[in-house]
C-alpha atoms as a PDB file:
ATOM      1  CA  UNK A   1     110.025 -82.834-201.066  1.00  0.00           C
ATOM      2  CA  UNK A   2     106.430 -82.521-202.692  1.00  0.00           C
ATOM      3  CA  UNK A   3     103.730 -80.879-200.314  1.00  0.00           C
ATOM      4  CA  UNK A   4     101.998 -84.367-200.439  1.00  0.00           C
ATOM      5  CA  UNK A   5     104.713 -86.235-199.152  1.00  0.00           C
ATOM      6  CA  UNK A   6     105.101 -83.704-196.455  1.00  0.00           C
ATOM      7  CA  UNK A   7     101.460 -84.152-195.347  1.00  0.00           C
ATOM      8  CA  UNK A   8     101.848 -87.726-195.324  1.00  0.00           C
ATOM      9  CA  UNK A   9     105.068 -87.617-193.210  1.00  0.00           C
ATOM     10  CA  UNK A  10     103.041 -85.173-190.746  1.00  0.00           C
ATOM     11  CA  UNK A  11     100.223 -87.533-190.551  1.00  0.00           C
ATOM     12  CA  UNK A  12     102.531 -90.609-189.879  1.00  0.00           C
ATOM     13  CA  UNK A  13     104.251 -88.584-187.058  1.00  0.00           C
ATOM     14  CA  UNK A  14     100.972 -87.628-185.401  1.00  0.00           C
ATOM     15  CA  UNK A  15      99.996 -91.393-185.384  1.00  0.00           C
ATOM     16  CA  UNK A  16     103.304 -91.969-183.946  1.00  0.00           C
ATOM     17  CA  UNK A  17     102.846 -89.243-181.175  1.00  0.00           C
ATOM     18  CA  UNK A  18      99.777 -91.295-180.092  1.00  0.00           C
ATOM     19  CA  UNK A  19     101.336 -94.453-180.111  1.00  0.00           C
ATOM     20  CA  UNK A  20     104.138 -93.211-178.000  1.00  0.00           C
ATOM     21  CA  UNK A  21     101.828 -91.421-175.510  1.00  0.00           C
ATOM     22  CA  UNK A  22      99.686 -94.823-175.346  1.00  0.00           C
ATOM     23  CA  UNK A  23     103.392 -96.449-174.631  1.00  0.00           C
ATOM     24  CA  UNK A  24     103.995 -93.932-171.930  1.00  0.00           C
ATOM     25  CA  UNK A  25     100.713 -94.436-170.139  1.00  0.00           C
ATOM     26  CA  UNK A  26     101.095 -98.167-170.293  1.00  0.00           C
ATOM     27  CA  UNK A  27     104.607 -98.186-168.607  1.00  0.00           C
ATOM     28  CA  UNK A  28     103.730 -95.705-165.783  1.00  0.00           C
ATOM     29  CA  UNK A  29     102.302 -96.924-162.460  1.00  0.00           C
ATOM     30  CA  UNK A  30     100.689 -93.306-161.708  1.00  0.00           C
ATOM     31  CA  UNK A  31      97.112 -92.436-162.632  1.00  0.00           C
ATOM     32  CA  UNK A  32      98.274 -89.320-164.578  1.00  0.00           C
ATOM     33  CA  UNK A  33     101.571 -88.410-166.084  1.00  0.00           C
ATOM     34  CA  UNK A  34     102.412 -85.065-167.607  1.00  0.00           C
ATOM     35  CA  UNK A  35     105.316 -84.520-170.244  1.00  0.00           C
ATOM     36  CA  UNK A  36     106.328 -81.543-172.417  1.00  0.00           C
ATOM     37  CA  UNK A  37     104.609 -81.485-175.906  1.00  0.00           C
ATOM     38  CA  UNK A  38     108.034 -80.681-177.218  1.00  0.00           C
ATOM     39  CA  UNK A  39     109.481 -83.897-175.776  1.00  0.00           C
ATOM     40  CA  UNK A  40     106.652 -85.998-176.737  1.00  0.00           C
ATOM     41  CA  UNK A  41     107.272 -84.793-180.418  1.00  0.00           C
ATOM     42  CA  UNK A  42     111.028 -85.766-180.165  1.00  0.00           C
ATOM     43  CA  UNK A  43     110.156 -88.914-178.781  1.00  0.00           C
ATOM     44  CA  UNK A  44     107.801 -89.717-181.674  1.00  0.00           C
ATOM     45  CA  UNK A  45     110.202 -88.429-184.189  1.00  0.00           C
ATOM     46  CA  UNK A  46     113.006 -90.817-182.730  1.00  0.00           C
ATOM     47  CA  UNK A  47     110.518 -93.647-182.914  1.00  0.00           C
ATOM     48  CA  UNK A  48     109.467 -92.908-186.470  1.00  0.00           C
ATOM     49  CA  UNK A  49     112.841 -92.511-187.754  1.00  0.00           C
ATOM     50  CA  UNK A  50     114.524 -95.532-186.005  1.00  0.00           C
ATOM     51  CA  UNK A  51     111.206 -97.903-186.132  1.00  0.00           C
ATOM     52  CA  UNK A  52     110.994 -98.645-182.406  1.00  0.00           C
ATOM     53  CA  UNK A  53     108.512 -98.275-179.617  1.00  0.00           C
ATOM     54  CA  UNK A  54     110.759 -99.227-176.911  1.00  0.00           C
ATOM     55  CA  UNK A  55     110.792 -95.993-174.546  1.00  0.00           C
ATOM     56  CA  UNK A  56     114.458 -96.788-173.164  1.00  0.00           C
ATOM     57  CA  UNK A  57     115.882 -96.768-176.706  1.00  0.00           C
ATOM     58  CA  UNK A  58     114.070 -93.725-177.625  1.00  0.00           C
ATOM     59  CA  UNK A  59     115.079 -91.878-174.568  1.00  0.00           C
ATOM     60  CA  UNK A  60     118.659 -92.730-175.371  1.00  0.00           C
ATOM     61  CA  UNK A  61     118.636 -91.555-178.924  1.00  0.00           C
ATOM     62  CA  UNK A  62     116.841 -88.077-178.396  1.00  0.00           C
ATOM     63  CA  UNK A  63     119.859 -86.199-177.591  1.00  0.00           C
ATOM     64  CA  UNK A  64     121.527 -86.924-180.860  1.00  0.00           C
ATOM     65  CA  UNK A  65     118.490 -86.929-183.251  1.00  0.00           C
ATOM     66  CA  UNK A  66     116.402 -83.590-183.714  1.00  0.00           C
ATOM     67  CA  UNK A  67     113.274 -83.277-185.546  1.00  0.00           C
ATOM     68  CA  UNK A  68     113.412 -80.902-188.527  1.00  0.00           C
ATOM     69  CA  UNK A  69     112.172 -77.321-188.147  1.00  0.00           C
ATOM     70  CA  UNK A  70     109.235 -77.839-190.396  1.00  0.00           C
ATOM     71  CA  UNK A  71     107.651 -80.262-187.620  1.00  0.00           C
ATOM     72  CA  UNK A  72     108.656 -77.903-184.822  1.00  0.00           C
ATOM     73  CA  UNK A  73     106.124 -74.820-185.201  1.00  0.00           C
ATOM     74  CA  UNK A  74     103.304 -73.981-183.537  1.00  0.00           C
ATOM     75  CA  UNK A  75     100.744 -75.040-186.143  1.00  0.00           C
ATOM     76  CA  UNK A  76     102.061 -78.505-186.191  1.00  0.00           C
ATOM     77  CA  UNK A  77     101.853 -78.634-182.340  1.00  0.00           C
ATOM     78  CA  UNK A  78      98.222 -77.592-182.426  1.00  0.00           C
ATOM     79  CA  UNK A  79      97.520 -80.520-184.606  1.00  0.00           C
ATOM     80  CA  UNK A  80      99.241 -82.848-182.307  1.00  0.00           C
ATOM     81  CA  UNK A  81      97.452 -81.278-179.181  1.00  0.00           C
ATOM     82  CA  UNK A  82      93.857 -81.926-180.996  1.00  0.00           C
ATOM     83  CA  UNK A  83      94.832 -85.537-181.822  1.00  0.00           C
ATOM     84  CA  UNK A  84      95.732 -86.348-178.191  1.00  0.00           C
ATOM     85  CA  UNK A  85      92.696 -84.662-177.040  1.00  0.00           C
ATOM     86  CA  UNK A  86      90.424 -86.556-179.489  1.00  0.00           C
ATOM     87  CA  UNK A  87      92.047 -90.093-179.051  1.00  0.00           C
ATOM     88  CA  UNK A  88      93.674 -90.166-175.413  1.00  0.00           C
ATOM     89  CA  UNK A  89      91.427 -87.452-173.500  1.00  0.00           C
ATOM     90  CA  UNK A  90      94.626 -85.394-172.754  1.00  0.00           C
ATOM     91  CA  UNK A  91      94.535 -82.082-171.283  1.00  0.00           C
ATOM     92  CA  UNK A  92      96.902 -79.298-172.438  1.00  0.00           C
ATOM     93  CA  UNK A  93      98.430 -77.160-169.673  1.00  0.00           C
ATOM     94  CA  UNK A  94     100.631 -73.902-169.633  1.00  0.00           C
ATOM     95  CA  UNK A  95     103.484 -74.128-167.018  1.00  0.00           C
ATOM     96  CA  UNK A  96     106.592 -71.875-166.961  1.00  0.00           C
ATOM     97  CA  UNK A  97     106.653 -71.116-170.749  1.00  0.00           C
ATOM     98  CA  UNK A  98     106.058 -74.742-171.657  1.00  0.00           C
ATOM     99  CA  UNK A  99     103.166 -76.603-172.942  1.00  0.00           C
ATOM    100  CA  UNK A 100     102.443 -79.920-171.053  1.00  0.00           C
ATOM    101  CA  UNK A 101     100.331 -82.718-172.013  1.00  0.00           C
ATOM    102  CA  UNK A 102      98.630 -84.333-168.969  1.00  0.00           C
ATOM    103  CA  UNK A 103      97.902 -88.123-169.899  1.00  0.00           C
ATOM    104  CA  UNK A 104      95.512 -90.167-167.781  1.00  0.00           C
ATOM    105  CA  UNK A 105      95.571 -94.055-167.270  1.00  0.00           C
ATOM    106  CA  UNK A 106      92.176 -95.423-167.971  1.00  0.00           C
END
């Protein structure tokens, strides 16, 4: 893959992360929800590959489909964090060696 194709794929996946986060917010009844950043990326990757935004289908496929290593590094996670903060006013927390995204309902 060329560098520009990888960059386009990463941008599309960041968009998918935001879309999935919005779907999770819509489907919850509580005012705030926290989810591991890693889990959110995996949901978005499955959604991107299978072209679906149905959370139940995504949850069923997550154990079978893993994102490639080029998408699971700290630099890419920071880009995702920045996008979520800008678009959804999400907060990032560190809990027990994991980074959590806290999303708030509007």
